[in-house]
Amino acid sequence: SFTALGKVFNLNRKTDSRLASRIFKKT
């Protein structure tokens, strides 16, 4: 599923990085 996510998410962008951090924090 990460292959598809990579078309939307780019963790070089601060907004995407912050969103990813919240997802990982929930896990």
PDB file of all heavy atoms in Angstrom:
ATOM      1  N   SER A   1       0.819  -1.215   0.000  1.00  0.00           N
ATOM      2  CA  SER A   1       0.000   0.000   0.000  1.00  0.00           C
ATOM      3  C   SER A   1       0.851   1.263   0.000  1.00  0.00           C
ATOM      4  O   SER A   1       0.399   2.333  -0.432  1.00  0.00           O
ATOM      5  CB  SER A   1      -0.932   0.011   1.209  1.00  0.00           C
ATOM      6  OG  SER A   1      -0.197  -0.042   2.420  1.00  0.00           O
ATOM      7  N   PHE A   2       2.100   1.169   0.463  1.00  0.00           N
ATOM      8  CA  PHE A   2       2.978   2.341   0.499  1.00  0.00           C
ATOM      9  C   PHE A   2       3.342   2.811  -0.904  1.00  0.00           C
ATOM     10  O   PHE A   2       3.673   3.981  -1.097  1.00  0.00           O
ATOM     11  CB  PHE A   2       4.248   2.024   1.295  1.00  0.00           C
ATOM     12  CG  PHE A   2       4.046   2.093   2.783  1.00  0.00           C
ATOM     13  CD1 PHE A   2       3.522   1.007   3.468  1.00  0.00           C
ATOM     14  CD2 PHE A   2       4.361   3.233   3.500  1.00  0.00           C
ATOM     15  CE1 PHE A   2       3.318   1.059   4.836  1.00  0.00           C
ATOM     16  CE2 PHE A   2       4.165   3.300   4.874  1.00  0.00           C
ATOM     17  CZ  PHE A   2       3.638   2.206   5.546  1.00  0.00           C
ATOM     18  N   THR A   3       3.293   1.913  -1.865  1.00  0.00           N
ATOM     19  CA  THR A   3       3.593   2.304  -3.239  1.00  0.00           C
ATOM     20  C   THR A   3       2.588   3.335  -3.723  1.00  0.00           C
ATOM     21  O   THR A   3       2.953   4.349  -4.337  1.00  0.00           O
ATOM     22  CB  THR A   3       3.590   1.070  -4.163  1.00  0.00           C
ATOM     23  OG1 THR A   3       4.569   0.131  -3.692  1.00  0.00           O
ATOM     24  CG2 THR A   3       3.919   1.459  -5.589  1.00  0.00           C
ATOM     25  N   ALA A   4       1.311   3.102  -3.429  1.00  0.00           N
ATOM     26  CA  ALA A   4       0.277   4.061  -3.803  1.00  0.00           C
ATOM     27  C   ALA A   4       0.378   5.332  -2.960  1.00  0.00           C
ATOM     28  O   ALA A   4       0.210   6.445  -3.473  1.00  0.00           O
ATOM     29  CB  ALA A   4      -1.099   3.431  -3.655  1.00  0.00           C
ATOM     30  N   LEU A   5       0.676   5.182  -1.668  1.00  0.00           N
ATOM     31  CA  LEU A   5       0.790   6.353  -0.793  1.00  0.00           C
ATOM     32  C   LEU A   5       1.900   7.293  -1.259  1.00  0.00           C
ATOM     33  O   LEU A   5       1.804   8.516  -1.098  1.00  0.00           O
ATOM     34  CB  LEU A   5       1.061   5.905   0.643  1.00  0.00           C
ATOM     35  CG  LEU A   5      -0.105   5.295   1.414  1.00  0.00           C
ATOM     36  CD1 LEU A   5       0.367   4.752   2.752  1.00  0.00           C
ATOM     37  CD2 LEU A   5      -1.209   6.324   1.620  1.00  0.00           C
ATOM     38  N   GLY A   6       2.936   6.710  -1.833  1.00  0.00           N
ATOM     39  CA  GLY A   6       4.065   7.515  -2.285  1.00  0.00           C
ATOM     40  C   GLY A   6       3.718   8.468  -3.408  1.00  0.00           C
ATOM     41  O   GLY A   6       4.466   9.420  -3.680  1.00  0.00           O
ATOM     42  N   LYS A   7       2.601   8.247  -4.059  1.00  0.00           N
ATOM     43  CA  LYS A   7       2.156   9.171  -5.112  1.00  0.00           C
ATOM     44  C   LYS A   7       1.539  10.432  -4.519  1.00  0.00           C
ATOM     45  O   LYS A   7       1.326  11.423  -5.231  1.00  0.00           O
ATOM     46  CB  LYS A   7       1.162   8.465  -6.031  1.00  0.00           C
ATOM     47  CG  LYS A   7       1.755   7.258  -6.764  1.00  0.00           C
ATOM     48  CD  LYS A   7       0.701   6.529  -7.593  1.00  0.00           C
ATOM     49  CE  LYS A   7       1.313   5.320  -8.302  1.00  0.00           C
ATOM     50  NZ  LYS A   7       0.308   4.562  -9.087  1.00  0.00           N
ATOM     51  N   VAL A   8       1.230  10.375  -3.227  1.00  0.00           N
ATOM     52  CA  VAL A   8       0.597  11.506  -2.546  1.00  0.00           C
ATOM     53  C   VAL A   8       1.513  12.100  -1.485  1.00  0.00           C
ATOM     54  O   VAL A   8       1.636  13.318  -1.357  1.00  0.00           O
ATOM     55  CB  VAL A   8      -0.731  11.062  -1.898  1.00  0.00           C
ATOM     56  CG1 VAL A   8      -1.393  12.223  -1.176  1.00  0.00           C
ATOM     57  CG2 VAL A   8      -1.665  10.465  -2.935  1.00  0.00           C
ATOM     58  N   PHE A   9       2.178  11.205  -0.718  1.00  0.00           N
ATOM     59  CA  PHE A   9       3.001  11.649   0.400  1.00  0.00           C
ATOM     60  C   PHE A   9       4.459  11.814  -0.019  1.00  0.00           C
ATOM     61  O   PHE A   9       5.005  10.997  -0.766  1.00  0.00           O
ATOM     62  CB  PHE A   9       2.938  10.650   1.554  1.00  0.00           C
ATOM     63  CG  PHE A   9       1.694  10.757   2.379  1.00  0.00           C
ATOM     64  CD1 PHE A   9       0.544  10.067   2.032  1.00  0.00           C
ATOM     65  CD2 PHE A   9       1.658  11.564   3.506  1.00  0.00           C
ATOM     66  CE1 PHE A   9      -0.609  10.163   2.788  1.00  0.00           C
ATOM     67  CE2 PHE A   9       0.510  11.669   4.270  1.00  0.00           C
ATOM     68  CZ  PHE A   9      -0.620  10.968   3.915  1.00  0.00           C
ATOM     69  N   ASN A  10       5.065  12.854   0.502  1.00  0.00           N
ATOM     70  CA  ASN A  10       6.500  13.075   0.341  1.00  0.00           C
ATOM     71  C   ASN A  10       7.009  13.604   1.664  1.00  0.00           C
ATOM     72  O   ASN A  10       6.730  14.745   2.045  1.00  0.00           O
ATOM     73  CB  ASN A  10       6.761  14.078  -0.786  1.00  0.00           C
ATOM     74  CG  ASN A  10       8.253  14.280  -1.058  1.00  0.00           C
ATOM     75  OD1 ASN A  10       9.091  14.108  -0.175  1.00  0.00           O
ATOM     76  ND2 ASN A  10       8.575  14.655  -2.288  1.00  0.00           N
ATOM     77  N   LEU A  11       7.751  12.784   2.395  1.00  0.00           N
ATOM     78  CA  LEU A  11       8.160  13.165   3.743  1.00  0.00           C
ATOM     79  C   LEU A  11       9.266  14.210   3.761  1.00  0.00           C
ATOM     80  O   LEU A  11       9.734  14.597   4.840  1.00  0.00           O
ATOM     81  CB  LEU A  11       8.581  11.922   4.538  1.00  0.00           C
ATOM     82  CG  LEU A  11       7.458  10.921   4.822  1.00  0.00           C
ATOM     83  CD1 LEU A  11       7.878   9.941   5.915  1.00  0.00           C
ATOM     84  CD2 LEU A  11       6.168  11.601   5.208  1.00  0.00           C
ATOM     85  N   ASN A  12       9.657  14.696   2.592  1.00  0.00           N
ATOM     86  CA  ASN A  12      10.523  15.877   2.561  1.00  0.00           C
ATOM     87  C   ASN A  12       9.713  17.155   2.810  1.00  0.00           C
ATOM     88  O   ASN A  12      10.280  18.195   3.138  1.00  0.00           O
ATOM     89  CB  ASN A  12      11.229  15.981   1.209  1.00  0.00           C
ATOM     90  CG  ASN A  12      12.261  14.888   1.024  1.00  0.00           C
ATOM     91  OD1 ASN A  12      13.254  14.813   1.739  1.00  0.00           O
ATOM     92  ND2 ASN A  12      12.015  13.998   0.055  1.00  0.00           N
ATOM     93  N   ARG A  13       8.395  17.057   2.643  1.00  0.00           N
ATOM     94  CA  ARG A  13       7.527  18.206   2.910  1.00  0.00           C
ATOM     95  C   ARG A  13       7.132  18.213   4.378  1.00  0.00           C
ATOM     96  O   ARG A  13       6.710  17.179   4.923  1.00  0.00           O
ATOM     97  CB  ARG A  13       6.270  18.131   2.030  1.00  0.00           C
ATOM     98  CG  ARG A  13       6.559  18.238   0.538  1.00  0.00           C
ATOM     99  CD  ARG A  13       5.282  18.480  -0.246  1.00  0.00           C
ATOM    100  NE  ARG A  13       4.370  17.341  -0.193  1.00  0.00           N
ATOM    101  CZ  ARG A  13       4.119  16.533  -1.225  1.00  0.00           C
ATOM    102  NH1 ARG A  13       4.751  16.718  -2.385  1.00  0.00           N
ATOM    103  NH2 ARG A  13       3.259  15.546  -1.114  1.00  0.00           N
ATOM    104  N   LYS A  14       7.231  19.359   5.022  1.00  0.00           N
ATOM    105  CA  LYS A  14       6.963  19.457   6.456  1.00  0.00           C
ATOM    106  C   LYS A  14       5.524  19.063   6.790  1.00  0.00           C
ATOM    107  O   LYS A  14       5.269  18.411   7.806  1.00  0.00           O
ATOM    108  CB  LYS A  14       7.248  20.876   6.957  1.00  0.00           C
ATOM    109  CG  LYS A  14       8.725  21.221   7.029  1.00  0.00           C
ATOM    110  CD  LYS A  14       9.427  20.391   8.103  1.00  0.00           C
ATOM    111  CE  LYS A  14      10.921  20.691   8.180  1.00  0.00           C
ATOM    112  NZ  LYS A  14      11.203  22.041   8.687  1.00  0.00           N
ATOM    113  N   THR A  15       4.579  19.462   5.942  1.00  0.00           N
ATOM    114  CA  THR A  15       3.182  19.125   6.227  1.00  0.00           C
ATOM    115  C   THR A  15       2.976  17.610   6.219  1.00  0.00           C
ATOM    116  O   THR A  15       2.282  17.058   7.086  1.00  0.00           O
ATOM    117  CB  THR A  15       2.249  19.777   5.196  1.00  0.00           C
ATOM    118  OG1 THR A  15       2.692  19.435   3.869  1.00  0.00           O
ATOM    119  CG2 THR A  15       2.241  21.286   5.354  1.00  0.00           C
ATOM    120  N   ASP A  16       3.586  16.928   5.252  1.00  0.00           N
ATOM    121  CA  ASP A  16       3.457  15.473   5.180  1.00  0.00           C
ATOM    122  C   ASP A  16       4.202  14.808   6.324  1.00  0.00           C
ATOM    123  O   ASP A  16       3.751  13.788   6.869  1.00  0.00           O
ATOM    124  CB  ASP A  16       4.000  14.961   3.844  1.00  0.00           C
ATOM    125  CG  ASP A  16       3.113  15.344   2.670  1.00  0.00           C
ATOM    126  OD1 ASP A  16       2.068  15.975   2.905  1.00  0.00           O
ATOM    127  OD2 ASP A  16       3.459  15.020   1.522  1.00  0.00           O
ATOM    128  N   SER A  17       5.334  15.374   6.689  1.00  0.00           N
ATOM    129  CA  SER A  17       6.116  14.824   7.796  1.00  0.00           C
ATOM    130  C   SER A  17       5.341  14.906   9.104  1.00  0.00           C
ATOM    131  O   SER A  17       5.309  13.955   9.888  1.00  0.00           O
ATOM    132  CB  SER A  17       7.443  15.577   7.918  1.00  0.00           C
ATOM    133  OG  SER A  17       8.180  15.130   9.031  1.00  0.00           O
ATOM    134  N   ARG A  18       4.679  16.055   9.334  1.00  0.00           N
ATOM    135  CA  ARG A  18       3.889  16.218  10.562  1.00  0.00           C
ATOM    136  C   ARG A  18       2.713  15.245  10.579  1.00  0.00           C
ATOM    137  O   ARG A  18       2.395  14.661  11.620  1.00  0.00           O
ATOM    138  CB  ARG A  18       3.406  17.665  10.693  1.00  0.00           C
ATOM    139  CG  ARG A  18       4.477  18.635  11.152  1.00  0.00           C
ATOM    140  CD  ARG A  18       3.851  19.953  11.587  1.00  0.00           C
ATOM    141  NE  ARG A  18       3.271  20.663  10.448  1.00  0.00           N
ATOM    142  CZ  ARG A  18       3.927  21.541   9.695  1.00  0.00           C
ATOM    143  NH1 ARG A  18       5.199  21.813   9.964  1.00  0.00           N
ATOM    144  NH2 ARG A  18       3.318  22.155   8.696  1.00  0.00           N
ATOM    145  N   LEU A  19       2.067  15.074   9.427  1.00  0.00           N
ATOM    146  CA  LEU A  19       0.948  14.140   9.357  1.00  0.00           C
ATOM    147  C   LEU A  19       1.430  12.717   9.617  1.00  0.00           C
ATOM    148  O   LEU A  19       0.794  11.964  10.375  1.00  0.00           O
ATOM    149  CB  LEU A  19       0.285  14.226   7.984  1.00  0.00           C
ATOM    150  CG  LEU A  19      -0.875  13.246   7.733  1.00  0.00           C
ATOM    151  CD1 LEU A  19      -1.967  13.416   8.781  1.00  0.00           C
ATOM    152  CD2 LEU A  19      -1.444  13.437   6.337  1.00  0.00           C
ATOM    153  N   ALA A  20       2.553  12.342   9.019  1.00  0.00           N
ATOM    154  CA  ALA A  20       3.111  11.007   9.241  1.00  0.00           C
ATOM    155  C   ALA A  20       3.442  10.797  10.714  1.00  0.00           C
ATOM    156  O   ALA A  20       3.210   9.714  11.266  1.00  0.00           O
ATOM    157  CB  ALA A  20       4.350  10.794   8.385  1.00  0.00           C
ATOM    158  N   SER A  21       3.957  11.832  11.364  1.00  0.00           N
ATOM    159  CA  SER A  21       4.310  11.705  12.785  1.00  0.00           C
ATOM    160  C   SER A  21       3.078  11.418  13.625  1.00  0.00           C
ATOM    161  O   SER A  21       3.127  10.640  14.578  1.00  0.00           O
ATOM    162  CB  SER A  21       5.016  12.969  13.280  1.00  0.00           C
ATOM    163  OG  SER A  21       4.106  14.043  13.453  1.00  0.00           O
ATOM    164  N   ARG A  22       1.947  12.051  13.270  1.00  0.00           N
ATOM    165  CA  ARG A  22       0.711  11.795  14.023  1.00  0.00           C
ATOM    166  C   ARG A  22       0.222  10.366  13.807  1.00  0.00           C
ATOM    167  O   ARG A  22      -0.279   9.731  14.742  1.00  0.00           O
ATOM    168  CB  ARG A  22      -0.355  12.811  13.611  1.00  0.00           C
ATOM    169  CG  ARG A  22      -0.076  14.226  14.079  1.00  0.00           C
ATOM    170  CD  ARG A  22      -1.315  15.098  14.003  1.00  0.00           C
ATOM    171  NE  ARG A  22      -1.663  15.416  12.632  1.00  0.00           N
ATOM    172  CZ  ARG A  22      -1.229  16.485  11.979  1.00  0.00           C
ATOM    173  NH1 ARG A  22      -0.400  17.332  12.581  1.00  0.00           N
ATOM    174  NH2 ARG A  22      -1.614  16.722  10.745  1.00  0.00           N
ATOM    175  N   ILE A  23       0.386   9.867  12.587  1.00  0.00           N
ATOM    176  CA  ILE A  23      -0.034   8.492  12.294  1.00  0.00           C
ATOM    177  C   ILE A  23       0.838   7.499  13.057  1.00  0.00           C
ATOM    178  O   ILE A  23       0.332   6.550  13.684  1.00  0.00           O
ATOM    179  CB  ILE A  23       0.041   8.223  10.779  1.00  0.00           C
ATOM    180  CG1 ILE A  23      -0.985   9.082  10.039  1.00  0.00           C
ATOM    181  CG2 ILE A  23      -0.191   6.741  10.481  1.00  0.00           C
ATOM    182  CD1 ILE A  23      -0.842   9.072   8.539  1.00  0.00           C
ATOM    183  N   PHE A  24       2.146   7.724  13.033  1.00  0.00           N
ATOM    184  CA  PHE A  24       3.054   6.836  13.761  1.00  0.00           C
ATOM    185  C   PHE A  24       2.813   6.936  15.270  1.00  0.00           C
ATOM    186  O   PHE A  24       2.921   5.938  15.989  1.00  0.00           O
ATOM    187  CB  PHE A  24       4.513   7.170  13.434  1.00  0.00           C
ATOM    188  CG  PHE A  24       4.987   6.633  12.118  1.00  0.00           C
ATOM    189  CD1 PHE A  24       5.292   7.488  11.070  1.00  0.00           C
ATOM    190  CD2 PHE A  24       5.136   5.265  11.913  1.00  0.00           C
ATOM    191  CE1 PHE A  24       5.730   7.001   9.852  1.00  0.00           C
ATOM    192  CE2 PHE A  24       5.573   4.765  10.698  1.00  0.00           C
ATOM    193  CZ  PHE A  24       5.869   5.638   9.661  1.00  0.00           C
ATOM    194  N   LYS A  25       2.499   8.139  15.754  1.00  0.00           N
ATOM    195  CA  LYS A  25       2.233   8.313  17.190  1.00  0.00           C
ATOM    196  C   LYS A  25       0.990   7.526  17.595  1.00  0.00           C
ATOM    197  O   LYS A  25       0.962   6.896  18.670  1.00  0.00           O
ATOM    198  CB  LYS A  25       2.035   9.793  17.509  1.00  0.00           C
ATOM    199  CG  LYS A  25       1.729  10.082  18.990  1.00  0.00           C
ATOM    200  CD  LYS A  25       2.882   9.665  19.890  1.00  0.00           C
ATOM    201  CE  LYS A  25       2.755  10.187  21.306  1.00  0.00           C
ATOM    202  NZ  LYS A  25       1.573   9.715  22.022  1.00  0.00           N
ATOM    203  N   LYS A  26      -0.027   7.540  16.750  1.00  0.00           N
ATOM    204  CA  LYS A  26      -1.242   6.786  17.057  1.00  0.00           C
ATOM    205  C   LYS A  26      -0.921   5.295  17.154  1.00  0.00           C
ATOM    206  O   LYS A  26      -1.400   4.599  18.062  1.00  0.00           O
ATOM    207  CB  LYS A  26      -2.299   7.030  15.982  1.00  0.00           C
ATOM    208  CG  LYS A  26      -3.634   6.363  16.281  1.00  0.00           C
ATOM    209  CD  LYS A  26      -4.689   6.724  15.250  1.00  0.00           C
ATOM    210  CE  LYS A  26      -6.026   6.067  15.572  1.00  0.00           C
ATOM    211  NZ  LYS A  26      -7.072   6.423  14.576  1.00  0.00           N
ATOM    212  N   THR A  27      -0.111   4.799  16.208  1.00  0.00           N
ATOM    213  CA  THR A  27       0.300   3.393  16.260  1.00  0.00           C
ATOM    214  C   THR A  27       1.102   3.112  17.519  1.00  0.00           C
ATOM    215  O   THR A  27       0.937   2.072  18.163  1.00  0.00           O
ATOM    216  CB  THR A  27       1.141   3.034  15.018  1.00  0.00           C
ATOM    217  OG1 THR A  27       0.387   3.305  13.842  1.00  0.00           O
ATOM    218  CG2 THR A  27       1.545   1.572  15.037  1.00  0.00           C
TER     219      THR A  27
END
